Every structure is written in C-alpha cells, then in structure tokens.
Protein backbone atom coordinates (compact mmCIF):
# COMPACT_ATOMS: atom_id res chain seq x y z
CA GLN A 1 1.14 -19.44 -3.00
CA VAL A 2 1.20 -16.01 -1.38
CA GLN A 3 -2.16 -14.13 -2.18
CA LEU A 4 -2.43 -10.61 -1.68
CA VAL A 5 -5.83 -8.86 -1.80
CA GLU A 6 -6.33 -5.02 -1.77
CA SER A 7 -9.17 -2.79 -0.68
CA GLY A 8 -10.51 0.47 0.24
CA GLY A 9 -9.60 2.43 -2.93
CA GLY A 10 -12.61 4.92 -4.34
CA LEU A 11 -13.22 8.26 -5.16
CA VAL A 12 -11.96 11.45 -2.69
CA GLN A 13 -11.85 15.10 -3.33
CA PRO A 14 -8.73 16.76 -3.11
CA GLY A 15 -7.83 17.45 0.91
CA GLY A 16 -9.58 14.10 1.87
CA SER A 17 -8.47 10.85 3.32
CA LEU A 18 -8.58 7.18 2.30
CA ARG A 19 -7.12 4.11 3.76
CA VAL A 20 -6.36 0.89 1.58
CA SER A 21 -5.81 -2.58 3.12
CA CYS A 22 -3.95 -5.21 1.90
CA ALA A 23 -4.81 -8.60 3.37
CA ALA A 24 -2.07 -11.25 2.83
CA SER A 25 -2.86 -15.37 3.18
CA GLY A 26 -1.58 -18.67 1.69
CA TYR A 27 2.12 -18.66 3.04
CA SER A 28 3.89 -20.14 5.68
CA SER A 29 7.26 -18.43 6.02
CA SER A 30 8.01 -15.15 8.06
CA ILE A 31 6.90 -11.88 5.77
CA TYR A 32 10.00 -9.92 5.47
CA THR A 33 8.33 -6.69 4.02
CA MET A 34 5.37 -5.25 3.10
CA GLY A 35 4.75 -2.07 1.35
CA TRP A 36 2.55 0.10 -1.36
CA TYR A 37 3.75 1.20 -4.90
CA ARG A 38 1.30 2.91 -6.97
CA GLN A 39 1.10 3.24 -10.84
CA ALA A 40 -0.92 5.93 -13.15
CA PRO A 41 -1.90 4.99 -16.74
CA GLY A 42 1.05 5.75 -18.44
CA LEU A 43 3.31 6.27 -15.94
CA GLU A 44 5.70 4.04 -14.16
CA ARG A 45 4.97 2.21 -11.10
CA THR A 46 6.62 4.04 -7.91
CA PHE A 47 7.33 3.04 -4.44
CA VAL A 48 5.09 4.70 -1.81
CA ALA A 49 5.68 3.30 1.45
CA SER A 50 7.05 -0.21 3.24
CA LEU A 51 7.42 -1.54 6.59
CA TYR A 52 9.60 -4.58 8.03
CA TRP A 53 6.96 -6.85 9.21
CA SER A 54 8.90 -8.44 12.35
CA THR A 55 10.28 -4.83 13.69
CA GLY A 56 7.40 -2.33 12.15
CA ASN A 57 10.25 -0.16 10.84
CA THR A 58 8.89 2.25 8.21
CA ASN A 59 9.81 4.26 4.94
CA TYR A 60 8.48 6.32 3.08
CA ALA A 61 8.84 8.01 -0.54
CA ASP A 62 9.42 11.89 -0.36
CA SER A 63 5.68 12.46 -2.00
CA ALA A 64 4.31 10.65 0.73
CA LYS A 65 6.34 11.66 4.33
CA GLY A 66 4.08 14.15 6.41
CA ARG A 67 0.56 12.59 4.61
CA PHE A 68 0.41 9.12 4.34
CA THR A 69 1.19 6.28 7.29
CA ILE A 70 1.74 2.76 6.88
CA SER A 71 0.81 0.05 9.68
CA ARG A 72 0.18 -3.29 10.37
CA ASP A 73 -2.52 -5.52 12.10
CA ASN A 74 0.19 -8.62 12.77
CA ALA A 75 -2.84 -10.99 14.06
CA LYS A 76 -5.03 -10.03 10.71
CA GLN A 77 -1.86 -10.24 8.44
CA THR A 78 -2.79 -6.73 7.07
CA VAL A 79 -1.00 -3.93 6.32
CA TYR A 80 -3.04 -0.44 5.89
CA LEU A 81 -2.10 2.60 3.94
CA GLN A 82 -3.81 5.68 5.19
CA MET A 83 -3.54 8.58 3.34
CA ASN A 84 -4.38 12.39 4.19
CA ASN A 85 -4.70 15.45 2.55
CA LEU A 86 -4.85 13.59 -0.74
CA LYS A 87 -4.11 15.32 -3.94
CA PRO A 88 -5.29 15.19 -7.63
CA GLU A 89 -1.61 13.99 -8.04
CA ASP A 90 -2.18 10.85 -6.01
CA THR A 91 -4.41 9.36 -8.46
CA ALA A 92 -3.40 5.69 -9.21
CA LEU A 93 -3.67 2.43 -8.86
CA TYR A 94 -2.23 1.17 -5.65
CA TYR A 95 -0.43 -2.13 -5.41
CA CYS A 96 0.48 -3.81 -2.33
CA LYS A 97 3.70 -5.61 -2.24
CA ALA A 98 4.93 -8.62 0.22
CA ILE A 99 8.02 -9.85 0.28
CA VAL A 100 8.10 -13.66 1.89
CA GLY A 101 11.61 -15.41 2.14
CA MET A 102 13.41 -14.83 -1.40
CA LYS A 103 10.22 -13.78 -3.41
CA ALA A 104 7.96 -10.49 -4.10
CA TYR A 105 4.41 -10.89 -4.25
CA TRP A 106 2.08 -8.41 -6.06
CA GLY A 107 -1.75 -7.79 -5.61
CA GLN A 108 -4.35 -6.57 -7.91
CA GLY A 109 -3.96 -3.20 -6.92
CA THR A 110 -7.01 -0.77 -5.79
CA GLN A 111 -7.80 2.43 -7.48
CA VAL A 112 -7.96 5.69 -5.96
CA THR A 113 -8.86 8.95 -7.67
CA VAL A 114 -8.81 12.06 -6.30
CA SER A 115 -10.96 14.37 -8.15
CA SER A 116 -13.67 17.33 -7.89
C-alpha cells in the first residue's frame, strides 16, 4: 500500500519561511499527481498546490500563488512545499496527497503554526 510521510512542520513567525516534505513509498504503479492540502481546526480541508509527476506541471490555490512553491525530487519520490512570507492564516495541518492509478492516498499531516 502507498505510504506518504510528511515532515518539516513547525512554529514560524509571520513573514518567515518553512519547507515541508512528503516522501512516498510502497507502490509499483506510476504517480499521477502529488499535492498539498491544509486544514485548520473546525474548517474544511482546502487545496494548496499540486503537480503532475511526469511533467512537473504545477497548480496553486490563489492564496498560495507568489508565496508557495511545490517541487519534486523524482529519485527520492518526494514532493516539497516551500512556503515563504507566511501569515497567521496559513496555520493549519498540512496534508500530502498522492493519486496513484485510480486511487488517492493521504499522509498523516504535519502541523504548521505561524505566530509571534
């Protein structure tokens, strides 16, 4: 079964930067897409960024454009989310999502807290 493990979350001050990582393992078929979603307590999980694995084409939520960058390391089967100019409203549990074949898989999440 596909396993996604996020890491790199933590506490950062407003205006600061953080990079979260998601390592994928346990699959034999191709990765179609990988991406990041986030969810704050009491709120819905929302899309942040995604990429097509084979091409590297990316897509971003409006809130992420100009501040966040999604990238991949094919050899490490890892996707990253570089977050710059972080704002308190970015505080959330960040989840990695992968679509492999016809199925979607989720990681356990990594907490990002933006606060003074």
